[in-house]
Amino acid sequence: MVQEPRRDEPLYSCIVPVESVTGNQEEELITFATSASSAHHQAEQMLADSYGCNVDQIKKLMELARIEYLSPWCSQG
């Protein structure tokens, strides 16, 4: 899915390393949302729905996750 940021809305990403789940070196799950908490929640949902992770796995993976504010980089130009 392609998401185009709007200039008047913030954009956050949640980046979760999933190498321990997939076995693929340096693989990451990345979600985007207009709030840090929404990006975090979307990542948790995707870990459960797409990767089949249980609650304990999700908790461990989310401890490694990082939230980044992207709007300054995306809205220039």
C-alpha atoms as a PDB file:
ATOM      1  CA  MET A   1       0.000   0.000   0.000  1.00  0.00           C
ATOM      2  CA  VAL A   2       1.295   3.465  -0.886  1.00  0.00           C
ATOM      3  CA  GLN A   3       0.549   6.301   1.489  1.00  0.00           C
ATOM      4  CA  GLU A   4       1.102   9.909   0.502  1.00  0.00           C
ATOM      5  CA  PRO A   5       1.654  12.227   3.471  1.00  0.00           C
ATOM      6  CA  ARG A   6      -0.447  15.357   3.735  1.00  0.00           C
ATOM      7  CA  ARG A   7       1.392  18.574   4.463  1.00  0.00           C
ATOM      8  CA  ASP A   8      -0.902  19.451   7.365  1.00  0.00           C
ATOM      9  CA  GLU A   9      -0.568  16.096   9.176  1.00  0.00           C
ATOM     10  CA  PRO A  10       2.389  14.646  11.059  1.00  0.00           C
ATOM     11  CA  LEU A  11       3.734  11.296   9.892  1.00  0.00           C
ATOM     12  CA  TYR A  12       5.369   8.708  12.119  1.00  0.00           C
ATOM     13  CA  SER A  13       6.861   5.321  11.384  1.00  0.00           C
ATOM     14  CA  CYS A  14       7.289   2.357  13.683  1.00  0.00           C
ATOM     15  CA  ILE A  15      10.212   0.149  12.704  1.00  0.00           C
ATOM     16  CA  VAL A  16      10.364  -3.345  14.194  1.00  0.00           C
ATOM     17  CA  PRO A  17      13.255  -5.748  13.553  1.00  0.00           C
ATOM     18  CA  VAL A  18      11.656  -9.128  12.704  1.00  0.00           C
ATOM     19  CA  GLU A  19      14.766 -11.148  11.900  1.00  0.00           C
ATOM     20  CA  SER A  20      14.108 -13.393  14.924  1.00  0.00           C
ATOM     21  CA  VAL A  21      10.692 -14.299  13.469  1.00  0.00           C
ATOM     22  CA  THR A  22      11.529 -14.639   9.766  1.00  0.00           C
ATOM     23  CA  GLY A  23      15.176 -15.672   9.843  1.00  0.00           C
ATOM     24  CA  ASN A  24      15.918 -13.038   7.199  1.00  0.00           C
ATOM     25  CA  GLN A  25      18.902 -10.972   8.241  1.00  0.00           C
ATOM     26  CA  GLU A  26      18.140  -7.286   8.830  1.00  0.00           C
ATOM     27  CA  GLU A  27      14.418  -7.654   7.926  1.00  0.00           C
ATOM     28  CA  GLU A  28      12.182  -4.958   9.398  1.00  0.00           C
ATOM     29  CA  LEU A  29       8.464  -4.344   9.610  1.00  0.00           C
ATOM     30  CA  ILE A  30       7.565  -0.680   9.055  1.00  0.00           C
ATOM     31  CA  THR A  31       4.188   0.926   9.685  1.00  0.00           C
ATOM     32  CA  PHE A  32       3.128   4.539   9.109  1.00  0.00           C
ATOM     33  CA  ALA A  33       0.508   6.650  10.877  1.00  0.00           C
ATOM     34  CA  THR A  34      -0.345  10.196  11.898  1.00  0.00           C
ATOM     35  CA  SER A  35       0.534   9.517  15.547  1.00  0.00           C
ATOM     36  CA  ALA A  36       3.295   7.583  17.264  1.00  0.00           C
ATOM     37  CA  SER A  37       0.797   5.503  19.237  1.00  0.00           C
ATOM     38  CA  SER A  38      -1.154   4.593  16.096  1.00  0.00           C
ATOM     39  CA  ALA A  39       2.019   3.517  14.278  1.00  0.00           C
ATOM     40  CA  HIS A  40       2.953   1.419  17.334  1.00  0.00           C
ATOM     41  CA  HIS A  41      -0.505  -0.184  17.465  1.00  0.00           C
ATOM     42  CA  GLN A  42      -0.461  -0.949  13.732  1.00  0.00           C
ATOM     43  CA  ALA A  43       2.893  -2.690  14.132  1.00  0.00           C
ATOM     44  CA  GLU A  44       1.510  -4.841  16.960  1.00  0.00           C
ATOM     45  CA  GLN A  45      -1.501  -5.776  14.818  1.00  0.00           C
ATOM     46  CA  MET A  46       0.671  -6.655  11.839  1.00  0.00           C
ATOM     47  CA  LEU A  47       2.958  -8.813  13.986  1.00  0.00           C
ATOM     48  CA  ALA A  48      -0.089 -10.771  15.143  1.00  0.00           C
ATOM     49  CA  ASP A  49      -1.979 -10.896  11.844  1.00  0.00           C
ATOM     50  CA  SER A  50       0.794 -11.226   9.252  1.00  0.00           C
ATOM     51  CA  TYR A  51       3.581 -12.881  11.219  1.00  0.00           C
ATOM     52  CA  GLY A  52       1.463 -15.013  13.595  1.00  0.00           C
ATOM     53  CA  CYS A  53       3.254 -13.736  16.700  1.00  0.00           C
ATOM     54  CA  ASN A  54       1.821 -14.384  20.153  1.00  0.00           C
ATOM     55  CA  VAL A  55       1.550 -11.777  22.915  1.00  0.00           C
ATOM     56  CA  ASP A  56       4.967 -12.587  24.422  1.00  0.00           C
ATOM     57  CA  GLN A  57       6.712 -12.422  21.028  1.00  0.00           C
ATOM     58  CA  ILE A  58       5.009  -9.119  20.229  1.00  0.00           C
ATOM     59  CA  LYS A  59       6.073  -7.653  23.578  1.00  0.00           C
ATOM     60  CA  LYS A  60       9.720  -8.653  23.003  1.00  0.00           C
ATOM     61  CA  LEU A  61       9.756  -7.351  19.434  1.00  0.00           C
ATOM     62  CA  MET A  62       8.103  -4.052  20.392  1.00  0.00           C
ATOM     63  CA  GLU A  63      10.825  -3.489  23.014  1.00  0.00           C
ATOM     64  CA  LEU A  64      13.244  -3.345  20.050  1.00  0.00           C
ATOM     65  CA  ALA A  65      10.982  -1.112  17.941  1.00  0.00           C
ATOM     66  CA  ARG A  66      11.697   2.532  17.286  1.00  0.00           C
ATOM     67  CA  ILE A  67       9.354   5.365  16.394  1.00  0.00           C
ATOM     68  CA  GLU A  68      10.532   8.018  13.959  1.00  0.00           C
ATOM     69  CA  TYR A  69       8.924  11.341  13.079  1.00  0.00           C
ATOM     70  CA  LEU A  70       9.029  11.630   9.283  1.00  0.00           C
ATOM     71  CA  SER A  71       7.113  14.736   8.245  1.00  0.00           C
ATOM     72  CA  PRO A  72      10.109  17.070   7.980  1.00  0.00           C
ATOM     73  CA  TRP A  73      11.731  14.654   5.523  1.00  0.00           C
ATOM     74  CA  CYS A  74       8.593  13.839   3.531  1.00  0.00           C
ATOM     75  CA  SER A  75       6.996  17.253   3.194  1.00  0.00           C
ATOM     76  CA  GLN A  76       9.908  19.214   1.729  1.00  0.00           C
ATOM     77  CA  GLY A  77       9.681  20.195  -1.875  1.00  0.00           C
END
